[in-house]
Amino acid sequence: MTTANEPSKRGQWMALAAAILGWLFDGFEMGLFPLVMKPALTDLLGNGAPVADNVIAKWEGIMHAAFLIGAATGGVLFGWLGDRLGRVRAMSLSVLTFAIFSGLCGVGTSAGMVLFFRFIASLGMGGEWSLGVSLVMELWPGRSRAWLAGLIGAASNVGFILVALVSMGLTVVVSSLAGMMATVGMGPELIELLTRHSGWRLLMLAGALPALLTFFIRIFVPESKKWQDSQAQVTANHWAAKDLWGVAIGCLGPLLMVLANAMDMPLGVQLAALALGLFAAVVGYSHPVKKFLSRSTDGQAISVPPKEIVRRMYVGAILSGIVLLATWGAIQRAPSWAGHVREADLALEHPEVAPENLAKVYSRELAFARSQTQIATGIGAVIGTILAAVVGDKLNRRTAYSLLCIGSIASMLWFFLGNSTFNTMYLVSALVAGGVSASFYGWLPLYLPELFPTKVRAVGQGFAFNFGRIMSGAGSLYIGDLINIYFDGKYPVACSMLTMIYLFGLVAIWFAPETKGQPLPD
């Protein structure tokens, strides 16, 4: 029987369904943009003329970095709204922002316009993660946290797998859509605009579909009772809109880092901008929380000491940052490396084809290899996220994180150094490496909500998780250059060296509190 202070079973399942759909759409869109980025940039930058590979690569790094910075900013901004206005209202706004501006990317007429739309969309995407985790963990009983955290991580990776499946039949899909548009009387010029360059505009327009999810959330998903109770315990709302200038500073600093890279400024200037950007993100993103805590003098307002909350935010950011940097810098490059490995295989199998023509002649085979690799890492990630959450619940949180760090180093070294040809073993090792390295995304939704009291849970874990995206954004700007300049384009050596960052994780986790068996802080 449900009491007045407990959500109904229906409300719990509606909240979980909304969150899983949101994370699935997030994963699909995050996997979709890399799929369409090259044809989109070729279309937008070239205007019918060829575009140099280095120009496209430069813009790809900028697009990735801006997305990650936007997601980090959104995690803090919408987390702030979630703690002030409520989880459901803020989550509806975040989904709507993500959906509308993802769709608008499909009507962009320049690379700069698409970059802007992509950045705004990423604000909403970053907010979804922190709000969805907070809402689900607060509505469901503590004994369910482990498998809920596993589902959270798995949902996003299912989206990645769907993207890979779509990419394998992309040509057929676009051709079918062109035929359907002609049937309903759409003009040939508009059809050509929408379908050229692999139909990237159509795929981006599809990004607006999650907007429908906002109606589902507002109608069927209940507000967190924990949040409502915490609001009723104090006489004043200590969140202030004027504190958001800190979030603006936290966003502008990293964006200057992107600008310095985009303008090819001297290396010294770029490194200074990098340091300034990271410092601005730390200070700016934590500012609203610090101001809130300074105003919360009511003894019932916060159950964890303010200084400890801030310390947990920073420790959580380090733990998340290590994971995100390794993921985006290494395992996310697995599909690209698969193309290189398969191309080397084809060069041996078909010596009659000139090396410079291999990619063109066997483009379908190379695309298939990349898609197979993404599917393998995605399937591994779905399994890994669920298992990691269960293991994290059975063992203590610190031990689980340490084992995941060790397992990630071993599996990624096997993948990157143990393969020289594209075969079954390549895909098996990709599945294992993808599973172990992604398992943190089942552990983080389990652990981060346990660090923060209800009043600052959304913004606290939003900061902790999303600051890692700033680090990943910096990595996306420079890792590609490092691979090409210092490692002669050799993915295995560069990515294997990057996995050593997990060694810092083995140290950092012991500065984090152990929360196994404890209720969520009130």
Protein backbone atom coordinates (compact mmCIF):
# COMPACT_ATOMS: atom_id res chain seq x y z
CA MET A 1 0.00 0.00 0.00
CA THR A 2 1.31 3.45 -0.95
CA THR A 3 1.39 6.09 1.78
CA ALA A 4 1.02 9.82 1.27
CA ASN A 5 4.78 10.21 1.45
CA GLU A 6 5.59 7.55 -1.13
CA PRO A 7 5.23 7.73 -4.91
CA SER A 8 2.92 5.24 -6.57
CA LYS A 9 4.36 2.29 -8.45
CA ARG A 10 2.89 3.78 -11.61
CA GLY A 11 4.67 7.08 -10.90
CA GLN A 12 7.97 5.29 -10.32
CA TRP A 13 7.73 3.39 -13.59
CA MET A 14 6.65 6.50 -15.53
CA ALA A 15 9.66 8.39 -14.22
CA LEU A 16 11.98 5.52 -15.10
CA ALA A 17 10.47 5.22 -18.59
CA ALA A 18 10.88 8.95 -19.22
CA ALA A 19 14.47 8.89 -18.01
CA ILE A 20 15.42 5.82 -20.05
CA LEU A 21 13.88 7.29 -23.21
CA GLY A 22 15.71 10.55 -22.59
CA TRP A 23 19.05 8.78 -22.15
CA LEU A 24 18.39 6.60 -25.19
CA PHE A 25 17.74 9.69 -27.33
CA ASP A 26 20.89 11.27 -25.88
CA GLY A 27 22.97 8.24 -26.82
CA PHE A 28 21.45 8.13 -30.29
CA GLU A 29 22.15 11.81 -30.93
CA MET A 30 25.68 11.61 -29.52
CA GLY A 31 26.39 8.71 -31.86
CA LEU A 32 24.51 10.29 -34.76
CA PHE A 33 26.47 13.51 -35.00
CA PRO A 34 29.86 11.84 -35.54
CA LEU A 35 28.15 9.76 -38.23
CA VAL A 36 26.87 12.81 -40.13
CA MET A 37 29.59 15.28 -39.22
CA LYS A 38 31.89 14.66 -42.18
CA PRO A 39 29.17 14.82 -44.88
CA ALA A 40 27.60 17.81 -43.10
CA LEU A 41 30.88 19.75 -42.96
CA THR A 42 31.67 18.81 -46.56
CA ASP A 43 28.29 20.23 -47.56
CA LEU A 44 28.45 23.38 -45.43
CA LEU A 45 32.10 24.29 -45.95
CA GLY A 46 32.51 23.24 -49.55
CA ASN A 47 29.42 24.58 -51.32
CA GLY A 48 29.95 21.91 -53.95
CA ALA A 49 33.78 22.13 -53.92
CA PRO A 50 36.13 19.61 -52.26
CA VAL A 51 37.15 20.34 -48.67
CA ALA A 52 40.61 19.46 -47.35
CA ASP A 53 40.71 16.67 -44.76
CA ASN A 54 42.64 18.82 -42.29
CA VAL A 55 39.94 21.53 -42.46
CA ILE A 56 37.21 18.98 -41.75
CA ALA A 57 39.28 17.43 -38.94
CA LYS A 58 39.75 20.88 -37.40
CA TRP A 59 36.01 21.57 -37.45
CA GLU A 60 35.26 18.11 -36.07
CA GLY A 61 37.41 18.86 -33.03
CA ILE A 62 35.70 22.23 -32.55
CA MET A 63 32.23 20.67 -32.88
CA HIS A 64 33.07 17.94 -30.35
CA ALA A 65 34.59 20.42 -27.89
CA ALA A 66 31.67 22.86 -28.11
CA PHE A 67 29.22 20.00 -27.57
CA LEU A 68 31.04 18.77 -24.47
CA ILE A 69 31.36 22.28 -23.02
CA GLY A 70 27.66 22.89 -23.66
CA ALA A 71 26.72 19.58 -22.02
CA ALA A 72 28.84 20.45 -18.98
CA THR A 73 27.22 23.88 -18.72
CA GLY A 74 23.75 22.38 -19.15
CA GLY A 75 24.41 19.85 -16.40
CA VAL A 76 25.06 22.67 -13.94
CA LEU A 77 22.43 25.10 -15.30
CA PHE A 78 19.54 22.64 -15.46
CA GLY A 79 20.72 20.98 -12.26
CA TRP A 80 20.40 24.40 -10.61
CA LEU A 81 16.88 24.73 -12.06
CA GLY A 82 16.03 21.21 -10.87
CA ASP A 83 17.04 22.01 -7.30
CA ARG A 84 15.16 25.31 -7.41
CA LEU A 85 12.02 24.59 -9.49
CA GLY A 86 11.69 20.82 -9.20
CA ARG A 87 13.03 17.81 -11.10
CA VAL A 88 10.07 17.36 -13.47
CA ARG A 89 9.73 20.95 -14.67
CA ALA A 90 13.47 21.33 -15.21
CA MET A 91 13.70 17.97 -16.99
CA SER A 92 10.87 18.96 -19.35
CA LEU A 93 12.74 22.17 -20.21
CA SER A 94 16.00 20.30 -20.76
CA VAL A 95 14.41 17.75 -23.11
CA LEU A 96 12.63 20.49 -25.05
CA THR A 97 15.87 22.48 -25.44
CA PHE A 98 17.77 19.41 -26.60
CA ALA A 99 15.07 18.32 -29.06
CA ILE A 100 14.31 21.66 -30.71
CA PHE A 101 17.90 22.71 -31.26
CA SER A 102 19.01 19.25 -32.38
CA GLY A 103 16.33 19.48 -35.07
CA LEU A 104 17.41 23.00 -36.01
CA CYS A 105 20.87 21.64 -36.84
CA GLY A 106 19.20 20.12 -39.91
CA VAL A 107 18.27 23.55 -41.29
CA GLY A 108 21.62 25.23 -40.62
CA THR A 109 23.08 27.04 -43.62
CA SER A 110 26.66 27.34 -42.35
CA ALA A 111 29.04 25.42 -40.15
CA GLY A 112 28.92 28.25 -37.60
CA MET A 113 25.12 28.11 -37.43
CA VAL A 114 25.13 24.34 -36.90
CA LEU A 115 27.82 24.80 -34.23
CA PHE A 116 25.58 27.29 -32.42
CA PHE A 117 22.48 25.05 -32.59
CA ARG A 118 24.54 22.06 -31.51
CA PHE A 119 25.88 23.98 -28.52
CA ILE A 120 22.39 25.01 -27.33
CA ALA A 121 21.11 21.45 -27.84
CA SER A 122 23.95 20.12 -25.71
CA LEU A 123 22.85 22.34 -22.81
CA GLY A 124 19.61 20.38 -22.65
CA MET A 125 21.38 17.05 -23.06
CA GLY A 126 23.70 17.76 -20.14
CA GLY A 127 20.73 18.71 -17.98
CA GLU A 128 18.88 15.48 -18.74
CA TRP A 129 21.58 13.33 -17.17
CA SER A 130 21.71 15.01 -13.75
CA LEU A 131 17.95 15.58 -13.53
CA GLY A 132 16.97 12.09 -14.65
CA VAL A 133 19.36 10.44 -12.21
CA SER A 134 18.15 12.61 -9.32
CA LEU A 135 14.47 12.02 -10.09
CA VAL A 136 14.70 8.25 -10.48
CA MET A 137 16.94 7.70 -7.46
CA GLU A 138 14.67 9.82 -5.27
CA LEU A 139 11.42 8.15 -6.41
CA TRP A 140 12.61 4.54 -6.15
CA PRO A 141 13.60 2.76 -2.91
CA GLY A 142 17.27 2.45 -2.01
CA ARG A 143 17.37 -1.31 -2.62
CA SER A 144 16.68 -0.67 -6.31
CA ARG A 145 19.59 1.75 -6.89
CA ALA A 146 21.99 -0.78 -8.39
CA TRP A 147 19.86 -2.05 -11.27
CA LEU A 148 18.43 1.45 -11.85
CA ALA A 149 21.96 2.80 -12.26
CA GLY A 150 22.73 -0.04 -14.67
CA LEU A 151 19.67 0.77 -16.77
CA ILE A 152 20.68 4.43 -16.85
CA GLY A 153 24.07 3.60 -18.32
CA ALA A 154 22.71 0.93 -20.64
CA ALA A 155 20.02 3.14 -22.20
CA SER A 156 22.51 5.59 -23.67
CA ASN A 157 24.58 2.79 -25.14
CA VAL A 158 21.52 1.25 -26.75
CA GLY A 159 21.22 4.56 -28.58
CA PHE A 160 24.81 4.18 -29.80
CA ILE A 161 24.02 0.72 -31.13
CA LEU A 162 20.94 2.01 -32.96
CA VAL A 163 23.08 4.63 -34.68
CA ALA A 164 25.49 1.97 -35.90
CA LEU A 165 22.60 -0.11 -37.25
CA VAL A 166 21.20 2.95 -39.04
CA SER A 167 24.60 3.73 -40.55
CA MET A 168 24.82 0.24 -42.06
CA GLY A 169 21.62 0.85 -44.04
CA LEU A 170 21.96 4.60 -44.44
CA THR A 171 22.06 4.68 -48.24
CA VAL A 172 18.89 2.59 -48.56
CA VAL A 173 17.10 4.70 -45.93
CA VAL A 174 17.92 8.00 -47.62
CA SER A 175 16.88 6.66 -51.05
CA SER A 176 13.56 5.45 -49.62
CA LEU A 177 12.89 8.80 -47.97
CA ALA A 178 13.64 10.63 -51.21
CA GLY A 179 11.06 8.49 -52.96
CA MET A 180 8.47 9.15 -50.25
CA MET A 181 9.04 12.92 -50.42
CA ALA A 182 8.59 12.89 -54.19
CA THR A 183 5.35 10.92 -53.77
CA VAL A 184 3.84 13.57 -51.48
CA GLY A 185 4.67 16.32 -53.98
CA MET A 186 7.82 17.81 -52.49
CA GLY A 187 9.89 19.81 -54.99
CA PRO A 188 13.05 18.28 -56.48
CA GLU A 189 15.27 21.13 -55.23
CA LEU A 190 14.13 20.64 -51.64
CA ILE A 191 14.51 16.87 -51.93
CA GLU A 192 18.03 17.32 -53.25
CA LEU A 193 18.88 19.71 -50.41
CA LEU A 194 17.61 17.31 -47.78
CA THR A 195 19.11 14.11 -49.19
CA ARG A 196 22.52 15.17 -50.53
CA HIS A 197 25.67 14.20 -48.66
CA SER A 198 24.14 11.07 -47.11
CA GLY A 199 20.97 12.86 -46.05
CA TRP A 200 22.55 14.42 -42.99
CA ARG A 201 19.86 17.12 -42.78
CA LEU A 202 17.07 14.55 -42.56
CA LEU A 203 18.87 12.70 -39.80
CA MET A 204 19.40 15.89 -37.79
CA LEU A 205 15.77 16.95 -38.26
CA ALA A 206 14.81 13.64 -36.69
CA GLY A 207 16.55 14.91 -33.56
CA ALA A 208 13.44 17.02 -32.85
CA LEU A 209 11.36 13.89 -32.13
CA PRO A 210 12.26 13.75 -28.41
CA ALA A 211 10.23 16.98 -28.01
CA LEU A 212 7.22 14.68 -27.76
CA LEU A 213 8.77 13.25 -24.61
CA THR A 214 8.17 16.54 -22.79
CA PHE A 215 4.40 16.04 -22.93
CA PHE A 216 4.80 12.55 -21.51
CA ILE A 217 6.95 13.89 -18.69
CA ARG A 218 4.61 16.72 -17.75
CA ILE A 219 1.47 14.58 -17.80
CA PHE A 220 2.56 11.26 -16.31
CA VAL A 221 5.76 11.75 -14.30
CA PRO A 222 5.35 12.73 -10.61
CA GLU A 223 7.57 15.21 -8.84
CA SER A 224 10.16 13.90 -6.38
CA LYS A 225 8.63 13.69 -2.91
CA LYS A 226 12.08 14.07 -1.39
CA TRP A 227 12.51 17.38 -3.22
CA GLN A 228 9.04 18.57 -2.16
CA ASP A 229 9.72 17.65 1.46
CA SER A 230 13.08 19.43 1.42
CA GLN A 231 11.40 22.58 0.08
CA ALA A 232 8.80 22.47 2.86
CA GLN A 233 11.42 22.28 5.60
CA VAL A 234 12.78 25.80 5.10
CA THR A 235 11.15 29.19 4.99
CA ALA A 236 13.20 30.66 2.11
CA ASN A 237 14.54 29.52 -1.23
CA HIS A 238 18.25 30.19 -1.05
CA TRP A 239 18.83 29.73 -4.80
CA ALA A 240 19.32 33.13 -6.50
CA ALA A 241 19.28 33.84 -10.24
CA LYS A 242 22.11 36.36 -9.86
CA ASP A 243 24.44 33.47 -9.02
CA LEU A 244 24.17 32.17 -12.59
CA TRP A 245 26.80 34.62 -13.73
CA GLY A 246 29.21 32.02 -12.38
CA VAL A 247 27.83 29.43 -14.81
CA ALA A 248 28.31 31.95 -17.65
CA ILE A 249 31.95 32.46 -16.64
CA GLY A 250 32.38 28.70 -16.34
CA CYS A 251 31.16 28.34 -19.91
CA LEU A 252 32.99 31.29 -21.49
CA GLY A 253 36.39 30.20 -20.17
CA PRO A 254 36.37 26.84 -21.98
CA LEU A 255 34.87 28.46 -25.09
CA LEU A 256 37.89 30.78 -25.22
CA MET A 257 40.00 27.63 -25.14
CA VAL A 258 38.13 26.41 -28.24
CA LEU A 259 38.52 29.82 -29.92
CA ALA A 260 42.30 29.83 -29.34
CA ASN A 261 42.55 26.42 -30.97
CA ALA A 262 40.25 27.33 -33.86
CA MET A 263 42.32 30.45 -34.65
CA ASP A 264 45.57 28.43 -34.63
CA MET A 265 47.15 30.71 -32.04
CA PRO A 266 50.71 29.97 -30.86
CA LEU A 267 50.98 26.85 -28.70
CA GLY A 268 51.85 28.90 -25.61
CA VAL A 269 48.68 30.96 -25.99
CA GLN A 270 46.62 27.81 -26.51
CA LEU A 271 48.03 26.18 -23.37
CA ALA A 272 47.37 29.35 -21.36
CA ALA A 273 43.79 29.39 -22.70
CA LEU A 274 43.46 25.71 -21.75
CA ALA A 275 44.56 26.36 -18.16
CA LEU A 276 42.34 29.45 -17.92
CA GLY A 277 39.37 27.55 -19.32
CA LEU A 278 39.66 24.71 -16.80
CA PHE A 279 40.13 27.16 -13.93
CA ALA A 280 37.09 29.22 -15.03
CA ALA A 281 34.99 26.05 -15.23
CA VAL A 282 35.92 24.96 -11.69
CA VAL A 283 35.27 28.37 -10.16
CA GLY A 284 32.26 29.33 -12.26
CA TYR A 285 30.30 26.08 -12.15
CA SER A 286 30.72 25.70 -8.39
CA HIS A 287 29.80 29.33 -7.64
CA PRO A 288 25.97 28.89 -7.47
CA VAL A 289 26.34 25.97 -5.06
CA LYS A 290 28.76 27.84 -2.81
CA LYS A 291 26.46 30.86 -2.67
CA PHE A 292 23.46 28.65 -1.89
CA LEU A 293 25.34 26.95 0.92
CA SER A 294 26.44 30.29 2.37
CA ARG A 295 22.78 31.38 2.60
CA SER A 296 21.51 28.10 4.06
CA THR A 297 21.91 28.92 7.73
CA ASP A 298 18.79 26.99 8.75
CA GLY A 299 19.96 23.93 10.70
CA GLN A 300 17.49 21.71 8.86
CA ALA A 301 18.41 22.95 5.40
CA ILE A 302 21.52 20.84 4.68
CA SER A 303 22.40 17.48 6.21
CA VAL A 304 26.01 17.42 4.98
CA PRO A 305 28.47 20.18 6.03
CA PRO A 306 28.87 22.81 3.26
CA LYS A 307 32.65 22.38 3.01
CA GLU A 308 32.21 18.63 2.64
CA ILE A 309 29.65 19.13 -0.15
CA VAL A 310 32.10 21.29 -2.11
CA ARG A 311 34.90 18.78 -1.50
CA ARG A 312 32.68 15.98 -2.78
CA MET A 313 31.88 17.98 -5.88
CA TYR A 314 35.58 18.32 -6.70
CA VAL A 315 36.41 14.69 -5.93
CA GLY A 316 33.41 13.52 -7.99
CA ALA A 317 34.57 15.75 -10.86
CA ILE A 318 38.01 14.12 -10.81
CA LEU A 319 36.54 10.60 -10.78
CA SER A 320 34.19 11.44 -13.67
CA GLY A 321 36.82 13.41 -15.57
CA ILE A 322 39.26 10.50 -15.61
CA VAL A 323 36.56 8.23 -17.03
CA LEU A 324 35.25 10.67 -19.65
CA LEU A 325 38.69 11.69 -20.87
CA ALA A 326 39.73 8.07 -21.36
CA THR A 327 36.44 7.22 -23.07
CA TRP A 328 36.41 10.12 -25.53
CA GLY A 329 40.15 10.05 -26.07
CA ALA A 330 40.60 6.31 -26.59
CA ILE A 331 37.68 3.89 -26.92
CA GLN A 332 35.51 6.35 -28.86
CA ARG A 333 38.19 6.25 -31.54
CA ALA A 334 37.77 2.49 -31.96
CA PRO A 335 35.48 2.78 -35.03
CA SER A 336 37.92 5.16 -36.74
CA TRP A 337 40.81 2.82 -35.98
CA ALA A 338 38.75 -0.08 -37.37
CA GLY A 339 38.65 1.76 -40.69
CA HIS A 340 42.44 2.07 -40.70
CA VAL A 341 42.94 -1.61 -39.78
CA ARG A 342 40.48 -2.80 -42.42
CA GLU A 343 42.07 -0.55 -45.03
CA ALA A 344 45.46 -2.11 -44.28
CA ASP A 345 43.90 -5.56 -44.71
CA LEU A 346 42.41 -4.55 -48.06
CA ALA A 347 45.76 -3.23 -49.23
CA LEU A 348 47.24 -6.70 -48.73
CA GLU A 349 44.23 -8.45 -50.28
CA HIS A 350 44.09 -6.18 -53.33
CA PRO A 351 47.59 -5.01 -54.27
CA GLU A 352 46.30 -4.06 -57.71
CA VAL A 353 44.40 -1.09 -56.22
CA ALA A 354 46.46 2.05 -55.66
CA PRO A 355 46.69 2.89 -51.92
CA GLU A 356 45.21 6.35 -52.44
CA ASN A 357 42.12 4.80 -54.06
CA LEU A 358 41.42 2.11 -51.46
CA ALA A 359 39.17 4.27 -49.29
CA LYS A 360 37.06 5.25 -52.30
CA VAL A 361 36.86 1.83 -53.93
CA TYR A 362 36.07 -0.01 -50.72
CA SER A 363 34.16 2.71 -48.87
CA ARG A 364 31.27 0.34 -48.11
CA GLU A 365 33.61 -2.26 -46.55
CA LEU A 366 35.33 0.38 -44.43
CA ALA A 367 32.01 1.83 -43.26
CA PHE A 368 30.83 -1.68 -42.40
CA ALA A 369 33.95 -2.30 -40.32
CA ARG A 370 33.42 0.93 -38.40
CA SER A 371 29.77 0.10 -37.78
CA GLN A 372 30.58 -3.44 -36.64
CA THR A 373 33.11 -2.04 -34.18
CA GLN A 374 30.63 0.49 -32.82
CA ILE A 375 28.04 -2.25 -32.38
CA ALA A 376 30.58 -4.47 -30.60
CA THR A 377 31.66 -1.73 -28.18
CA GLY A 378 28.02 -0.73 -27.70
CA ILE A 379 26.87 -4.25 -26.82
CA GLY A 380 29.79 -4.55 -24.43
CA ALA A 381 28.84 -1.21 -22.88
CA VAL A 382 25.23 -2.27 -22.29
CA ILE A 383 26.42 -5.39 -20.50
CA GLY A 384 29.21 -3.59 -18.65
CA THR A 385 27.09 -0.76 -17.26
CA ILE A 386 24.54 -3.13 -15.78
CA LEU A 387 27.18 -5.46 -14.28
CA ALA A 388 29.20 -2.55 -12.88
CA ALA A 389 26.22 -1.18 -10.99
CA VAL A 390 25.47 -4.62 -9.52
CA VAL A 391 29.12 -5.19 -8.59
CA GLY A 392 29.32 -1.69 -7.11
CA ASP A 393 26.36 -2.53 -4.90
CA LYS A 394 27.67 -5.94 -3.81
CA LEU A 395 31.19 -4.69 -3.09
CA ASN A 396 31.85 -1.28 -1.64
CA ARG A 397 31.97 1.72 -4.00
CA ARG A 398 35.71 2.33 -3.73
CA THR A 399 36.70 -1.26 -4.43
CA ALA A 400 34.38 -1.43 -7.43
CA TYR A 401 35.84 1.77 -8.96
CA SER A 402 39.37 0.48 -8.41
CA LEU A 403 38.60 -2.84 -10.11
CA LEU A 404 37.01 -1.01 -13.05
CA CYS A 405 40.16 1.11 -13.47
CA ILE A 406 42.39 -1.97 -13.52
CA GLY A 407 40.02 -3.79 -15.87
CA SER A 408 39.87 -0.81 -18.24
CA ILE A 409 43.65 -0.62 -18.51
CA ALA A 410 43.96 -4.34 -19.21
CA SER A 411 41.10 -4.59 -21.71
CA MET A 412 42.05 -1.47 -23.65
CA LEU A 413 45.69 -2.51 -23.88
CA TRP A 414 44.53 -5.88 -25.23
CA PHE A 415 42.31 -4.17 -27.76
CA PHE A 416 44.77 -1.56 -29.02
CA LEU A 417 48.01 -3.57 -28.81
CA GLY A 418 46.70 -7.08 -29.40
CA ASN A 419 45.17 -6.55 -32.87
CA SER A 420 46.80 -5.97 -36.22
CA THR A 421 44.02 -7.21 -38.49
CA PHE A 422 40.24 -6.83 -38.59
CA ASN A 423 38.77 -10.20 -37.64
CA THR A 424 36.61 -11.93 -35.04
CA MET A 425 39.20 -11.46 -32.30
CA TYR A 426 39.27 -7.74 -33.07
CA LEU A 427 35.51 -7.51 -32.47
CA VAL A 428 35.66 -9.68 -29.34
CA SER A 429 38.35 -7.50 -27.81
CA ALA A 430 36.37 -4.40 -28.84
CA LEU A 431 33.32 -5.79 -27.04
CA VAL A 432 35.35 -6.45 -23.87
CA ALA A 433 37.15 -3.09 -23.93
CA GLY A 434 33.93 -1.25 -24.68
CA GLY A 435 32.16 -3.08 -21.87
CA VAL A 436 34.76 -2.54 -19.17
CA SER A 437 35.57 1.08 -20.04
CA ALA A 438 31.86 2.00 -20.26
CA SER A 439 31.02 0.21 -17.01
CA PHE A 440 31.76 3.42 -15.12
CA TYR A 441 28.55 4.85 -16.59
CA GLY A 442 26.67 2.32 -14.49
CA TRP A 443 28.79 3.03 -11.41
CA LEU A 444 28.52 6.84 -11.58
CA PRO A 445 24.67 7.00 -11.49
CA LEU A 446 24.83 4.68 -8.49
CA TYR A 447 27.47 6.63 -6.58
CA LEU A 448 27.09 10.35 -7.39
CA PRO A 449 23.53 10.75 -6.02
CA GLU A 450 24.77 9.27 -2.74
CA LEU A 451 27.26 12.10 -2.27
CA PHE A 452 24.83 15.01 -2.07
CA PRO A 453 21.80 15.97 0.02
CA THR A 454 18.46 16.48 -1.73
CA LYS A 455 18.67 20.27 -1.89
CA VAL A 456 21.85 20.26 -3.99
CA ARG A 457 21.73 16.77 -5.47
CA ALA A 458 20.92 17.71 -9.07
CA VAL A 459 23.42 20.55 -9.35
CA GLY A 460 26.06 18.77 -7.24
CA GLN A 461 26.14 15.63 -9.35
CA GLY A 462 25.63 17.78 -12.46
CA PHE A 463 28.91 19.50 -11.66
CA ALA A 464 30.67 16.28 -10.67
CA PHE A 465 29.75 14.38 -13.82
CA ASN A 466 29.83 17.19 -16.35
CA PHE A 467 33.12 18.80 -15.40
CA GLY A 468 34.67 15.70 -16.93
CA ARG A 469 33.15 16.81 -20.21
CA ILE A 470 35.24 19.99 -20.05
CA MET A 471 38.34 17.84 -19.74
CA SER A 472 37.11 15.70 -22.63
CA GLY A 473 36.44 18.83 -24.67
CA ALA A 474 40.04 19.89 -24.18
CA GLY A 475 41.13 16.40 -25.14
CA SER A 476 39.05 16.40 -28.34
CA LEU A 477 40.88 19.54 -29.47
CA TYR A 478 44.38 18.19 -28.97
CA ILE A 479 44.36 14.38 -28.89
CA GLY A 480 43.82 14.15 -32.63
CA ASP A 481 46.77 16.48 -33.25
CA LEU A 482 48.92 14.51 -30.82
CA ILE A 483 48.11 11.26 -32.63
CA ASN A 484 49.05 12.74 -36.00
CA ILE A 485 52.07 14.81 -34.95
CA TYR A 486 53.73 12.77 -32.22
CA PHE A 487 52.50 9.25 -32.94
CA ASP A 488 52.51 9.38 -36.75
CA GLY A 489 48.79 8.69 -36.89
CA LYS A 490 49.16 5.44 -34.91
CA TYR A 491 46.03 5.04 -32.79
CA PRO A 492 47.21 1.99 -30.78
CA VAL A 493 50.25 3.64 -29.20
CA ALA A 494 48.55 6.96 -28.42
CA CYS A 495 45.34 5.42 -27.07
CA SER A 496 47.25 2.87 -25.02
CA MET A 497 49.25 5.63 -23.37
CA LEU A 498 46.06 7.53 -22.61
CA THR A 499 44.67 4.55 -20.67
CA MET A 500 47.32 5.19 -18.03
CA ILE A 501 45.10 8.02 -16.76
CA TYR A 502 43.17 5.31 -14.91
CA LEU A 503 46.16 5.06 -12.56
CA PHE A 504 45.15 8.47 -11.20
CA GLY A 505 41.69 7.04 -10.63
CA LEU A 506 43.17 4.31 -8.43
CA VAL A 507 44.49 7.06 -6.16
CA ALA A 508 41.61 9.56 -6.38
CA ILE A 509 38.89 7.11 -5.34
CA TRP A 510 40.36 6.80 -1.84
CA PHE A 511 39.69 10.51 -1.25
CA ALA A 512 35.99 9.89 -1.89
CA PRO A 513 33.61 8.79 0.90
CA GLU A 514 32.34 5.21 1.08
CA THR A 515 28.53 5.21 0.78
CA LYS A 516 27.58 1.54 0.48
CA GLY A 517 24.50 0.67 2.52
CA GLN A 518 23.73 4.30 3.37
CA PRO A 519 20.45 6.07 2.48
CA LEU A 520 20.46 9.08 0.20
CA PRO A 521 21.33 12.18 2.29
CA ASP A 522 18.27 14.35 3.05
